[in-house]
Amino acid sequence: MEDFFVNLARKIAINSELSQKHGSLLICDDQIFTGYNHFLCKKNCVAIHAEEDAINNYITLCRKKYFDDAYIRRRLRRALLITVRVKNDVIK
């Protein structure tokens, strides 16, 4: 089962816009949230890390369901975060 999650994170890492290609999976309560490295350009361009992107995707969904922050933090403590780095389509 671990190979499935690692391969899924590898496929997500390919979407990364940065030279360091990272993919991240957050597994919480039988749901999978994904994230990868990318730039966010508003006033300034900042790099968003894969881990941060996956956690932000989870928090966004929880807030749409009107969960409070304390409840979200409790659920995140039980979550599993998997991050892989890919170079030339090979996991490092």
PDB file of N, CA and C in Angstrom:
ATOM      1  N   MET A   1       0.816  -1.196   0.000  1.00  0.00           N
ATOM      2  CA  MET A   1       0.000   0.000   0.000  1.00  0.00           C
ATOM      3  C   MET A   1       0.860   1.261   0.000  1.00  0.00           C
ATOM      4  N   GLU A   2       2.015   1.196   0.694  1.00  0.00           N
ATOM      5  CA  GLU A   2       2.904   2.356   0.720  1.00  0.00           C
ATOM      6  C   GLU A   2       3.402   2.701  -0.677  1.00  0.00           C
ATOM      7  N   ASP A   3       3.664   1.697  -1.486  1.00  0.00           N
ATOM      8  CA  ASP A   3       4.132   1.949  -2.851  1.00  0.00           C
ATOM      9  C   ASP A   3       3.103   2.736  -3.648  1.00  0.00           C
ATOM     10  N   PHE A   4       1.823   2.469  -3.411  1.00  0.00           N
ATOM     11  CA  PHE A   4       0.773   3.197  -4.107  1.00  0.00           C
ATOM     12  C   PHE A   4       0.855   4.686  -3.788  1.00  0.00           C
ATOM     13  N   PHE A   5       1.006   5.022  -2.496  1.00  0.00           N
ATOM     14  CA  PHE A   5       1.068   6.421  -2.095  1.00  0.00           C
ATOM     15  C   PHE A   5       2.340   7.100  -2.586  1.00  0.00           C
ATOM     16  N   VAL A   6       3.450   6.399  -2.542  1.00  0.00           N
ATOM     17  CA  VAL A   6       4.718   6.968  -3.022  1.00  0.00           C
ATOM     18  C   VAL A   6       4.640   7.218  -4.523  1.00  0.00           C
ATOM     19  N   ASN A   7       4.075   6.281  -5.271  1.00  0.00           N
ATOM     20  CA  ASN A   7       3.940   6.476  -6.721  1.00  0.00           C
ATOM     21  C   ASN A   7       2.974   7.612  -7.045  1.00  0.00           C
ATOM     22  N   LEU A   8       1.920   7.748  -6.257  1.00  0.00           N
ATOM     23  CA  LEU A   8       0.988   8.858  -6.460  1.00  0.00           C
ATOM     24  C   LEU A   8       1.676  10.192  -6.188  1.00  0.00           C
ATOM     25  N   ALA A   9       2.467  10.262  -5.128  1.00  0.00           N
ATOM     26  CA  ALA A   9       3.215  11.490  -4.820  1.00  0.00           C
ATOM     27  C   ALA A   9       4.232  11.789  -5.923  1.00  0.00           C
ATOM     28  N   ARG A  10       4.828  10.761  -6.501  1.00  0.00           N
ATOM     29  CA  ARG A  10       5.783  10.951  -7.602  1.00  0.00           C
ATOM     30  C   ARG A  10       5.088  11.542  -8.816  1.00  0.00           C
ATOM     31  N   LYS A  11       3.893  11.056  -9.119  1.00  0.00           N
ATOM     32  CA  LYS A  11       3.144  11.589 -10.256  1.00  0.00           C
ATOM     33  C   LYS A  11       2.755  13.051 -10.031  1.00  0.00           C
ATOM     34  N   ILE A  12       2.449  13.392  -8.805  1.00  0.00           N
ATOM     35  CA  ILE A  12       2.090  14.776  -8.468  1.00  0.00           C
ATOM     36  C   ILE A  12       3.312  15.678  -8.551  1.00  0.00           C
ATOM     37  N   ALA A  13       4.475  15.163  -8.166  1.00  0.00           N
ATOM     38  CA  ALA A  13       5.704  15.965  -8.174  1.00  0.00           C
ATOM     39  C   ALA A  13       6.085  16.416  -9.575  1.00  0.00           C
ATOM     40  N   ILE A  14       5.684  15.679 -10.570  1.00  0.00           N
ATOM     41  CA  ILE A  14       6.009  16.037 -11.945  1.00  0.00           C
ATOM     42  C   ILE A  14       5.373  17.378 -12.322  1.00  0.00           C
ATOM     43  N   ASN A  15       4.268  17.746 -11.665  1.00  0.00           N
ATOM     44  CA  ASN A  15       3.601  19.028 -11.927  1.00  0.00           C
ATOM     45  C   ASN A  15       4.365  20.220 -11.377  1.00  0.00           C
ATOM     46  N   SER A  16       5.367  19.983 -10.565  1.00  0.00           N
ATOM     47  CA  SER A  16       6.091  21.059  -9.888  1.00  0.00           C
ATOM     48  C   SER A  16       6.729  22.023 -10.877  1.00  0.00           C
ATOM     49  N   GLU A  17       6.640  23.324 -10.543  1.00  0.00           N
ATOM     50  CA  GLU A  17       7.202  24.365 -11.398  1.00  0.00           C
ATOM     51  C   GLU A  17       8.638  24.714 -11.026  1.00  0.00           C
ATOM     52  N   LEU A  18       9.097  24.294  -9.870  1.00  0.00           N
ATOM     53  CA  LEU A  18      10.432  24.636  -9.403  1.00  0.00           C
ATOM     54  C   LEU A  18      11.442  23.590  -9.856  1.00  0.00           C
ATOM     55  N   SER A  19      12.726  23.924  -9.723  1.00  0.00           N
ATOM     56  CA  SER A  19      13.762  22.968 -10.119  1.00  0.00           C
ATOM     57  C   SER A  19      13.800  21.772  -9.172  1.00  0.00           C
ATOM     58  N   GLN A  20      13.514  22.006  -7.897  1.00  0.00           N
ATOM     59  CA  GLN A  20      13.385  20.899  -6.938  1.00  0.00           C
ATOM     60  C   GLN A  20      11.943  20.404  -7.007  1.00  0.00           C
ATOM     61  N   LYS A  21      11.736  19.269  -7.616  1.00  0.00           N
ATOM     62  CA  LYS A  21      10.378  18.762  -7.826  1.00  0.00           C
ATOM     63  C   LYS A  21       9.971  17.886  -6.645  1.00  0.00           C
ATOM     64  N   HIS A  22       9.036  18.422  -5.845  1.00  0.00           N
ATOM     65  CA  HIS A  22       8.508  17.700  -4.695  1.00  0.00           C
ATOM     66  C   HIS A  22       7.012  17.490  -4.875  1.00  0.00           C
ATOM     67  N   GLY A  23       6.540  16.350  -4.427  1.00  0.00           N
ATOM     68  CA  GLY A  23       5.113  16.058  -4.389  1.00  0.00           C
ATOM     69  C   GLY A  23       4.763  15.606  -2.989  1.00  0.00           C
ATOM     70  N   SER A  24       3.570  15.969  -2.534  1.00  0.00           N
ATOM     71  CA  SER A  24       3.193  15.674  -1.169  1.00  0.00           C
ATOM     72  C   SER A  24       1.768  15.152  -1.117  1.00  0.00           C
ATOM     73  N   LEU A  25       1.531  14.184  -0.238  1.00  0.00           N
ATOM     74  CA  LEU A  25       0.199  13.664   0.025  1.00  0.00           C
ATOM     75  C   LEU A  25      -0.110  13.840   1.496  1.00  0.00           C
ATOM     76  N   LEU A  26      -1.292  14.321   1.796  1.00  0.00           N
ATOM     77  CA  LEU A  26      -1.775  14.391   3.167  1.00  0.00           C
ATOM     78  C   LEU A  26      -2.943  13.432   3.253  1.00  0.00           C
ATOM     79  N   ILE A  27      -2.806  12.424   4.089  1.00  0.00           N
ATOM     80  CA  ILE A  27      -3.854  11.420   4.250  1.00  0.00           C
ATOM     81  C   ILE A  27      -4.487  11.641   5.614  1.00  0.00           C
ATOM     82  N   CYS A  28      -5.766  12.005   5.592  1.00  0.00           N
ATOM     83  CA  CYS A  28      -6.467  12.316   6.834  1.00  0.00           C
ATOM     84  C   CYS A  28      -7.910  11.830   6.715  1.00  0.00           C
ATOM     85  N   ASP A  29      -8.310  10.977   7.635  1.00  0.00           N
ATOM     86  CA  ASP A  29      -9.688  10.460   7.676  1.00  0.00           C
ATOM     87  C   ASP A  29     -10.121   9.872   6.329  1.00  0.00           C
ATOM     88  N   ASP A  30      -9.297   8.996   5.768  1.00  0.00           N
ATOM     89  CA  ASP A  30      -9.583   8.298   4.512  1.00  0.00           C
ATOM     90  C   ASP A  30      -9.749   9.232   3.315  1.00  0.00           C
ATOM     91  N   GLN A  31      -9.210  10.445   3.405  1.00  0.00           N
ATOM     92  CA  GLN A  31      -9.201  11.368   2.275  1.00  0.00           C
ATOM     93  C   GLN A  31      -7.755  11.683   1.932  1.00  0.00           C
ATOM     94  N   ILE A  32      -7.476  11.903   0.652  1.00  0.00           N
ATOM     95  CA  ILE A  32      -6.124  12.208   0.194  1.00  0.00           C
ATOM     96  C   ILE A  32      -6.118  13.608  -0.396  1.00  0.00           C
ATOM     97  N   PHE A  33      -5.201  14.435   0.105  1.00  0.00           N
ATOM     98  CA  PHE A  33      -5.013  15.795  -0.402  1.00  0.00           C
ATOM     99  C   PHE A  33      -3.607  15.874  -0.967  1.00  0.00           C
ATOM    100  N   THR A  34      -3.469  16.524  -2.108  1.00  0.00           N
ATOM    101  CA  THR A  34      -2.185  16.555  -2.799  1.00  0.00           C
ATOM    102  C   THR A  34      -1.620  17.963  -2.830  1.00  0.00           C
ATOM    103  N   GLY A  35      -0.301  18.037  -3.021  1.00  0.00           N
ATOM    104  CA  GLY A  35       0.366  19.321  -3.165  1.00  0.00           C
ATOM    105  C   GLY A  35       1.691  19.144  -3.872  1.00  0.00           C
ATOM    106  N   TYR A  36       2.144  20.201  -4.513  1.00  0.00           N
ATOM    107  CA  TYR A  36       3.430  20.189  -5.205  1.00  0.00           C
ATOM    108  C   TYR A  36       4.021  21.590  -5.147  1.00  0.00           C
ATOM    109  N   ASN A  37       5.308  21.693  -5.416  1.00  0.00           N
ATOM    110  CA  ASN A  37       5.998  22.990  -5.406  1.00  0.00           C
ATOM    111  C   ASN A  37       5.504  23.842  -6.568  1.00  0.00           C
ATOM    112  N   HIS A  38       5.202  25.091  -6.265  1.00  0.00           N
ATOM    113  CA  HIS A  38       4.825  26.019  -7.327  1.00  0.00           C
ATOM    114  C   HIS A  38       4.999  27.450  -6.832  1.00  0.00           C
ATOM    115  N   PHE A  39       4.887  28.377  -7.752  1.00  0.00           N
ATOM    116  CA  PHE A  39       4.988  29.799  -7.425  1.00  0.00           C
ATOM    117  C   PHE A  39       3.594  30.381  -7.234  1.00  0.00           C
ATOM    118  N   LEU A  40       3.480  31.326  -6.299  1.00  0.00           N
ATOM    119  CA  LEU A  40       2.268  32.098  -6.104  1.00  0.00           C
ATOM    120  C   LEU A  40       2.645  33.552  -6.295  1.00  0.00           C
ATOM    121  N   CYS A  41       2.129  34.147  -7.342  1.00  0.00           N
ATOM    122  CA  CYS A  41       2.496  35.530  -7.672  1.00  0.00           C
ATOM    123  C   CYS A  41       1.310  36.453  -7.426  1.00  0.00           C
ATOM    124  N   LYS A  42       1.468  37.326  -6.456  1.00  0.00           N
ATOM    125  CA  LYS A  42       0.504  38.402  -6.221  1.00  0.00           C
ATOM    126  C   LYS A  42       1.293  39.692  -6.334  1.00  0.00           C
ATOM    127  N   LYS A  43       1.615  40.339  -5.221  1.00  0.00           N
ATOM    128  CA  LYS A  43       2.525  41.493  -5.276  1.00  0.00           C
ATOM    129  C   LYS A  43       3.943  41.011  -5.552  1.00  0.00           C
ATOM    130  N   ASN A  44       4.342  39.968  -4.857  1.00  0.00           N
ATOM    131  CA  ASN A  44       5.649  39.339  -5.041  1.00  0.00           C
ATOM    132  C   ASN A  44       5.427  37.870  -5.369  1.00  0.00           C
ATOM    133  N   CYS A  45       6.385  37.267  -6.019  1.00  0.00           N
ATOM    134  CA  CYS A  45       6.312  35.830  -6.272  1.00  0.00           C
ATOM    135  C   CYS A  45       6.986  35.087  -5.120  1.00  0.00           C
ATOM    136  N   VAL A  46       6.267  34.131  -4.556  1.00  0.00           N
ATOM    137  CA  VAL A  46       6.820  33.305  -3.485  1.00  0.00           C
ATOM    138  C   VAL A  46       6.658  31.840  -3.877  1.00  0.00           C
ATOM    139  N   ALA A  47       7.572  31.023  -3.396  1.00  0.00           N
ATOM    140  CA  ALA A  47       7.512  29.591  -3.660  1.00  0.00           C
ATOM    141  C   ALA A  47       6.660  28.923  -2.586  1.00  0.00           C
ATOM    142  N   ILE A  48       5.722  28.114  -3.022  1.00  0.00           N
ATOM    143  CA  ILE A  48       4.879  27.338  -2.121  1.00  0.00           C
ATOM    144  C   ILE A  48       5.427  25.917  -2.109  1.00  0.00           C
ATOM    145  N   HIS A  49       5.783  25.432  -0.924  1.00  0.00           N
ATOM    146  CA  HIS A  49       6.318  24.079  -0.791  1.00  0.00           C
ATOM    147  C   HIS A  49       5.199  23.052  -0.942  1.00  0.00           C
ATOM    148  N   ALA A  50       5.566  21.853  -1.316  1.00  0.00           N
ATOM    149  CA  ALA A  50       4.595  20.782  -1.543  1.00  0.00           C
ATOM    150  C   ALA A  50       3.817  20.468  -0.265  1.00  0.00           C
ATOM    151  N   GLU A  51       4.507  20.400   0.860  1.00  0.00           N
ATOM    152  CA  GLU A  51       3.851  20.092   2.128  1.00  0.00           C
ATOM    153  C   GLU A  51       2.836  21.172   2.477  1.00  0.00           C
ATOM    154  N   GLU A  52       3.257  22.419   2.296  1.00  0.00           N
ATOM    155  CA  GLU A  52       2.389  23.557   2.585  1.00  0.00           C
ATOM    156  C   GLU A  52       1.159  23.537   1.677  1.00  0.00           C
ATOM    157  N   ASP A  53       1.344  23.197   0.420  1.00  0.00           N
ATOM    158  CA  ASP A  53       0.243  23.155  -0.531  1.00  0.00           C
ATOM    159  C   ASP A  53      -0.775  22.088  -0.150  1.00  0.00           C
ATOM    160  N   ALA A  54      -0.309  20.904   0.230  1.00  0.00           N
ATOM    161  CA  ALA A  54      -1.222  19.828   0.625  1.00  0.00           C
ATOM    162  C   ALA A  54      -2.007  20.210   1.878  1.00  0.00           C
ATOM    163  N   ILE A  55      -1.315  20.791   2.870  1.00  0.00           N
ATOM    164  CA  ILE A  55      -1.996  21.195   4.105  1.00  0.00           C
ATOM    165  C   ILE A  55      -2.991  22.323   3.824  1.00  0.00           C
ATOM    166  N   ASN A  56      -2.611  23.279   2.970  1.00  0.00           N
ATOM    167  CA  ASN A  56      -3.532  24.362   2.626  1.00  0.00           C
ATOM    168  C   ASN A  56      -4.761  23.840   1.892  1.00  0.00           C
ATOM    169  N   ASN A  57      -4.593  22.849   1.027  1.00  0.00           N
ATOM    170  CA  ASN A  57      -5.746  22.258   0.345  1.00  0.00           C
ATOM    171  C   ASN A  57      -6.690  21.603   1.342  1.00  0.00           C
ATOM    172  N   TYR A  58      -6.132  20.939   2.339  1.00  0.00           N
ATOM    173  CA  TYR A  58      -6.946  20.318   3.383  1.00  0.00           C
ATOM    174  C   TYR A  58      -7.692  21.376   4.193  1.00  0.00           C
ATOM    175  N   ILE A  59      -6.986  22.415   4.620  1.00  0.00           N
ATOM    176  CA  ILE A  59      -7.602  23.466   5.426  1.00  0.00           C
ATOM    177  C   ILE A  59      -8.699  24.171   4.640  1.00  0.00           C
ATOM    178  N   THR A  60      -8.476  24.410   3.357  1.00  0.00           N
ATOM    179  CA  THR A  60      -9.490  25.061   2.523  1.00  0.00           C
ATOM    180  C   THR A  60     -10.773  24.240   2.484  1.00  0.00           C
ATOM    181  N   LEU A  61     -10.644  22.934   2.309  1.00  0.00           N
ATOM    182  CA  LEU A  61     -11.832  22.086   2.287  1.00  0.00           C
ATOM    183  C   LEU A  61     -12.544  22.100   3.637  1.00  0.00           C
ATOM    184  N   CYS A  62     -11.777  22.022   4.720  1.00  0.00           N
ATOM    185  CA  CYS A  62     -12.381  22.020   6.057  1.00  0.00           C
ATOM    186  C   CYS A  62     -13.111  23.330   6.348  1.00  0.00           C
ATOM    187  N   ARG A  63     -12.535  24.432   5.922  1.00  0.00           N
ATOM    188  CA  ARG A  63     -13.191  25.728   6.162  1.00  0.00           C
ATOM    189  C   ARG A  63     -14.452  25.879   5.329  1.00  0.00           C
ATOM    190  N   LYS A  64     -14.488  25.267   4.149  1.00  0.00           N
ATOM    191  CA  LYS A  64     -15.717  25.277   3.353  1.00  0.00           C
ATOM    192  C   LYS A  64     -16.831  24.517   4.056  1.00  0.00           C
ATOM    193  N   LYS A  65     -16.437  23.536   4.892  1.00  0.00           N
ATOM    194  CA  LYS A  65     -17.412  22.773   5.677  1.00  0.00           C
ATOM    195  C   LYS A  65     -17.686  23.429   7.031  1.00  0.00           C
ATOM    196  N   TYR A  66     -17.130  24.624   7.252  1.00  0.00           N
ATOM    197  CA  TYR A  66     -17.327  25.422   8.470  1.00  0.00           C
ATOM    198  C   TYR A  66     -16.787  24.741   9.727  1.00  0.00           C
ATOM    199  N   PHE A  67     -15.672  23.991   9.592  1.00  0.00           N
ATOM    200  CA  PHE A  67     -15.004  23.437  10.763  1.00  0.00           C
ATOM    201  C   PHE A  67     -14.194  24.545  11.429  1.00  0.00           C
ATOM    202  N   ASP A  68     -14.142  24.533  12.756  1.00  0.00           N
ATOM    203  CA  ASP A  68     -13.334  25.553  13.434  1.00  0.00           C
ATOM    204  C   ASP A  68     -11.863  25.120  13.459  1.00  0.00           C
ATOM    205  N   ASP A  69     -10.980  26.086  13.732  1.00  0.00           N
ATOM    206  CA  ASP A  69      -9.537  25.850  13.647  1.00  0.00           C
ATOM    207  C   ASP A  69      -9.053  24.802  14.646  1.00  0.00           C
ATOM    208  N   ALA A  70      -9.629  24.774  15.840  1.00  0.00           N
ATOM    209  CA  ALA A  70      -9.212  23.786  16.836  1.00  0.00           C
ATOM    210  C   ALA A  70      -9.519  22.364  16.340  1.00  0.00           C
ATOM    211  N   TYR A  71     -10.662  22.190  15.734  1.00  0.00           N
ATOM    212  CA  TYR A  71     -11.030  20.882  15.191  1.00  0.00           C
ATOM    213  C   TYR A  71     -10.104  20.483  14.052  1.00  0.00           C
ATOM    214  N   ILE A  72      -9.760  21.444  13.184  1.00  0.00           N
ATOM    215  CA  ILE A  72      -8.848  21.170  12.071  1.00  0.00           C
ATOM    216  C   ILE A  72      -7.479  20.756  12.598  1.00  0.00           C
ATOM    217  N   ARG A  73      -6.969  21.447  13.613  1.00  0.00           N
ATOM    218  CA  ARG A  73      -5.664  21.093  14.195  1.00  0.00           C
ATOM    219  C   ARG A  73      -5.684  19.699  14.797  1.00  0.00           C
ATOM    220  N   ARG A  74      -6.765  19.328  15.487  1.00  0.00           N
ATOM    221  CA  ARG A  74      -6.860  17.979  16.069  1.00  0.00           C
ATOM    222  C   ARG A  74      -6.817  16.914  14.973  1.00  0.00           C
ATOM    223  N   ARG A  75      -7.494  17.152  13.873  1.00  0.00           N
ATOM    224  CA  ARG A  75      -7.499  16.182  12.780  1.00  0.00           C
ATOM    225  C   ARG A  75      -6.135  16.118  12.101  1.00  0.00           C
ATOM    226  N   LEU A  76      -5.450  17.261  11.993  1.00  0.00           N
ATOM    227  CA  LEU A  76      -4.123  17.269  11.367  1.00  0.00           C
ATOM    228  C   LEU A  76      -3.089  16.508  12.193  1.00  0.00           C
ATOM    229  N   ARG A  77      -3.261  16.476  13.502  1.00  0.00           N
ATOM    230  CA  ARG A  77      -2.312  15.724  14.344  1.00  0.00           C
ATOM    231  C   ARG A  77      -2.339  14.239  14.031  1.00  0.00           C
ATOM    232  N   ARG A  78      -3.489  13.737  13.579  1.00  0.00           N
ATOM    233  CA  ARG A  78      -3.621  12.310  13.261  1.00  0.00           C
ATOM    234  C   ARG A  78      -3.310  12.011  11.796  1.00  0.00           C
ATOM    235  N   ALA A  79      -3.045  13.031  11.017  1.00  0.00           N
ATOM    236  CA  ALA A  79      -2.840  12.865   9.580  1.00  0.00           C
ATOM    237  C   ALA A  79      -1.444  12.324   9.283  1.00  0.00           C
ATOM    238  N   LEU A  80      -1.317  11.742   8.109  1.00  0.00           N
ATOM    239  CA  LEU A  80      -0.038  11.239   7.613  1.00  0.00           C
ATOM    240  C   LEU A  80       0.370  12.097   6.423  1.00  0.00           C
ATOM    241  N   LEU A  81       1.595  12.610   6.453  1.00  0.00           N
ATOM    242  CA  LEU A  81       2.108  13.447   5.377  1.00  0.00           C
ATOM    243  C   LEU A  81       3.272  12.719   4.706  1.00  0.00           C
ATOM    244  N   ILE A  82       3.142  12.488   3.408  1.00  0.00           N
ATOM    245  CA  ILE A  82       4.177  11.804   2.624  1.00  0.00           C
ATOM    246  C   ILE A  82       4.703  12.796   1.595  1.00  0.00           C
ATOM    247  N   THR A  83       6.023  12.989   1.565  1.00  0.00           N
ATOM    248  CA  THR A  83       6.635  13.903   0.608  1.00  0.00           C
ATOM    249  C   THR A  83       7.763  13.182  -0.106  1.00  0.00           C
ATOM    250  N   VAL A  84       7.800  13.328  -1.435  1.00  0.00           N
ATOM    251  CA  VAL A  84       8.878  12.725  -2.224  1.00  0.00           C
ATOM    252  C   VAL A  84       9.508  13.794  -3.106  1.00  0.00           C
ATOM    253  N   ARG A  85      10.783  13.597  -3.390  1.00  0.00           N
ATOM    254  CA  ARG A  85      11.506  14.456  -4.325  1.00  0.00           C
ATOM    255  C   ARG A  85      11.832  13.637  -5.557  1.00  0.00           C
ATOM    256  N   VAL A  86      11.573  14.205  -6.721  1.00  0.00           N
ATOM    257  CA  VAL A  86      11.766  13.491  -7.974  1.00  0.00           C
ATOM    258  C   VAL A  86      12.804  14.229  -8.808  1.00  0.00           C
ATOM    259  N   LYS A  87      13.760  13.493  -9.350  1.00  0.00           N
ATOM    260  CA  LYS A  87      14.739  14.057 -10.266  1.00  0.00           C
ATOM    261  C   LYS A  87      14.830  13.119 -11.454  1.00  0.00           C
ATOM    262  N   ASN A  88      14.549  13.648 -12.633  1.00  0.00           N
ATOM    263  CA  ASN A  88      14.525  12.848 -13.867  1.00  0.00           C
ATOM    264  C   ASN A  88      13.601  11.646 -13.736  1.00  0.00           C
ATOM    265  N   ASP A  89      12.445  11.882 -13.122  1.00  0.00           N
ATOM    266  CA  ASP A  89      11.398  10.863 -12.933  1.00  0.00           C
ATOM    267  C   ASP A  89      11.862   9.708 -12.034  1.00  0.00           C
ATOM    268  N   VAL A  90      12.884   9.935 -11.204  1.00  0.00           N
ATOM    269  CA  VAL A  90      13.361   8.925 -10.263  1.00  0.00           C
ATOM    270  C   VAL A  90      13.244   9.515  -8.867  1.00  0.00           C
ATOM    271  N   ILE A  91      12.681   8.744  -7.945  1.00  0.00           N
ATOM    272  CA  ILE A  91      12.501   9.207  -6.570  1.00  0.00           C
ATOM    273  C   ILE A  91      13.837   9.293  -5.886  1.00  0.00           C
ATOM    274  N   LYS A  92      14.096  10.432  -5.220  1.00  0.00           N
ATOM    275  CA  LYS A  92      15.348  10.630  -4.479  1.00  0.00           C
ATOM    276  C   LYS A  92      15.076  10.608  -2.993  1.00  0.00           C
TER     277      LYS A  92
END
